[in-house]
Amino acid sequence: MKTNALIFLNGTYPDKHKNFYIREYRRLSADSIIIVADGGLRFFIENKLKPDIIVGDFDSLDRQALELFPAAEIVTVSTEGKALTDGELALDKCAENHINEVTLYGGIDTSFETDHLLGNILMMFAFKYKVRE
């Protein structure tokens, strides 16, 4: 049973740091559940990486992209009445799988959408208290 997770959000993955993300994926993927939130899947498509779980409402991505990952568990939520962000949905999958060690990628948007950055920080604090319950 895997006890940690790597979550790739729909953030920015600058080309100058691309090798870092790929190295992290390769180094940690054998021992981690790999979860991709919605538009974070673009990075996986571009770099031929395979996630274990894909979550989201898929408003940031063409749903046909999901067909490229037949082995992945896909968790789809409707945008109508949606109360959680795609990142929060990814963290909920971690909690369901009793995973309390999470590494988050793509949480900082270099276009400086401060609301997304602050939301991601708060999301991690909320997760910390959720897994303690």
Protein backbone atom coordinates (compact mmCIF):
# COMPACT_ATOMS: atom_id res chain seq x y z
CA MET A 1 0.00 0.00 0.00
CA LYS A 2 1.37 3.39 -1.00
CA THR A 3 1.55 5.92 1.80
CA ASN A 4 2.38 9.12 -0.06
CA ALA A 5 1.14 11.01 -3.10
CA LEU A 6 2.37 13.41 -5.74
CA ILE A 7 -0.33 15.82 -6.89
CA PHE A 8 0.09 17.81 -10.09
CA LEU A 9 -2.23 20.83 -10.22
CA ASN A 10 -3.27 22.99 -13.16
CA GLY A 11 -0.49 25.43 -12.45
CA THR A 12 2.56 26.49 -14.36
CA TYR A 13 5.38 24.11 -15.22
CA PRO A 14 8.04 26.40 -16.74
CA ASP A 15 10.23 24.84 -19.43
CA LYS A 16 13.38 25.85 -17.52
CA HIS A 17 12.23 23.59 -14.63
CA LYS A 18 10.68 20.81 -16.71
CA ASN A 19 13.51 18.37 -15.99
CA PHE A 20 13.02 18.87 -12.24
CA TYR A 21 9.37 17.79 -12.44
CA ILE A 22 10.16 14.81 -14.64
CA ARG A 23 13.01 13.70 -12.33
CA GLU A 24 10.70 13.99 -9.30
CA TYR A 25 8.03 11.96 -11.05
CA ARG A 26 10.49 9.22 -12.03
CA ARG A 27 12.23 9.18 -8.63
CA LEU A 28 9.06 9.01 -6.56
CA SER A 29 6.38 7.41 -8.74
CA ALA A 30 7.13 3.80 -7.74
CA ASP A 31 6.35 4.56 -4.09
CA SER A 32 3.67 7.21 -4.58
CA ILE A 33 0.19 7.53 -5.93
CA ILE A 34 0.30 10.02 -8.78
CA ILE A 35 -2.77 12.25 -8.90
CA VAL A 36 -3.37 14.87 -11.56
CA ALA A 37 -5.95 17.62 -11.16
CA ASP A 38 -7.68 18.67 -14.38
CA GLY A 39 -5.39 20.88 -16.51
CA GLY A 40 -2.27 19.48 -14.83
CA LEU A 41 -2.77 16.61 -17.25
CA ARG A 42 -1.32 18.75 -20.06
CA PHE A 43 2.13 18.37 -18.48
CA PHE A 44 1.65 14.59 -18.44
CA ILE A 45 0.56 14.49 -22.08
CA GLU A 46 3.48 16.66 -23.21
CA ASN A 47 6.01 14.51 -21.33
CA LYS A 48 4.45 11.07 -21.81
CA LEU A 49 3.98 10.49 -18.06
CA LYS A 50 1.28 8.27 -16.57
CA PRO A 51 -0.93 9.24 -13.62
CA ASP A 52 -2.71 6.78 -11.36
CA ILE A 53 -5.72 9.04 -10.73
CA ILE A 54 -7.12 12.00 -12.67
CA VAL A 55 -9.64 14.26 -10.92
CA GLY A 56 -11.65 17.30 -11.88
CA ASP A 57 -14.53 18.87 -13.69
CA PHE A 58 -12.33 19.11 -16.81
CA ASP A 59 -13.11 22.70 -17.58
CA SER A 60 -9.40 23.33 -18.25
CA LEU A 61 -8.87 20.40 -20.57
CA ASP A 62 -10.48 18.69 -23.53
CA ARG A 63 -12.18 15.59 -22.10
CA GLN A 64 -10.85 13.51 -25.02
CA ALA A 65 -7.41 13.81 -23.41
CA LEU A 66 -8.64 11.37 -20.77
CA GLU A 67 -8.74 8.63 -23.41
CA LEU A 68 -4.92 8.75 -23.51
CA PHE A 69 -4.86 7.28 -19.98
CA PRO A 70 -7.02 4.13 -20.01
CA ALA A 71 -5.30 2.66 -16.93
CA ALA A 72 -5.93 5.73 -14.75
CA GLU A 73 -8.82 6.01 -12.33
CA ILE A 74 -10.86 9.01 -13.46
CA VAL A 75 -12.92 10.97 -10.95
CA THR A 76 -15.25 13.41 -12.69
CA VAL A 77 -17.33 16.01 -10.91
CA SER A 78 -19.89 18.35 -12.39
CA THR A 79 -19.17 22.07 -12.46
CA GLU A 80 -22.76 22.63 -11.44
CA GLY A 81 -22.92 23.09 -7.68
CA LYS A 82 -19.23 22.19 -7.32
CA ALA A 83 -18.00 23.22 -3.88
CA LEU A 84 -14.37 22.03 -4.06
CA THR A 85 -11.47 22.95 -6.30
CA ASP A 86 -9.86 20.24 -8.40
CA GLY A 87 -6.89 20.33 -6.02
CA GLU A 88 -9.19 19.74 -3.06
CA LEU A 89 -10.70 16.78 -4.90
CA ALA A 90 -7.18 15.38 -5.34
CA LEU A 91 -6.52 15.78 -1.62
CA ASP A 92 -9.83 14.07 -0.83
CA LYS A 93 -8.59 11.06 -2.85
CA CYS A 94 -5.49 11.06 -0.66
CA ALA A 95 -7.60 11.08 2.49
CA GLU A 96 -9.74 8.23 1.11
CA ASN A 97 -6.56 6.21 0.54
CA HIS A 98 -5.22 7.02 4.03
CA ILE A 99 -2.35 9.02 2.58
CA ASN A 100 -1.06 11.79 4.78
CA GLU A 101 2.19 12.66 3.04
CA VAL A 102 1.57 14.75 -0.07
CA THR A 103 3.88 16.66 -2.40
CA LEU A 104 2.10 19.29 -4.45
CA TYR A 105 3.35 20.52 -7.83
CA GLY A 106 1.98 23.36 -9.94
CA GLY A 107 0.57 25.19 -6.94
CA ILE A 108 2.17 28.49 -7.86
CA ASP A 109 0.89 30.12 -11.01
CA THR A 110 3.58 32.30 -12.59
CA SER A 111 0.89 34.52 -14.11
CA PHE A 112 0.52 35.61 -10.46
CA GLU A 113 -3.07 34.68 -9.85
CA THR A 114 -2.75 35.38 -6.15
CA ASP A 115 -6.16 33.90 -5.34
CA HIS A 116 -5.04 30.52 -6.70
CA LEU A 117 -1.77 30.64 -4.75
CA LEU A 118 -3.51 31.53 -1.48
CA GLY A 119 -6.22 28.95 -2.11
CA ASN A 120 -3.59 26.25 -2.61
CA ILE A 121 -1.80 27.18 0.61
CA LEU A 122 -5.05 27.13 2.57
CA MET A 123 -6.02 23.86 0.90
CA MET A 124 -2.88 22.20 2.27
CA PHE A 125 -3.58 23.47 5.79
CA ALA A 126 -7.13 22.14 5.60
CA PHE A 127 -5.82 18.77 4.42
CA LYS A 128 -3.40 18.61 7.34
CA TYR A 129 -6.30 18.84 9.76
CA LYS A 130 -8.54 16.54 7.72
CA VAL A 131 -6.13 13.59 7.90
CA ARG A 132 -5.86 14.01 11.68
CA GLU A 133 -9.60 13.34 12.11
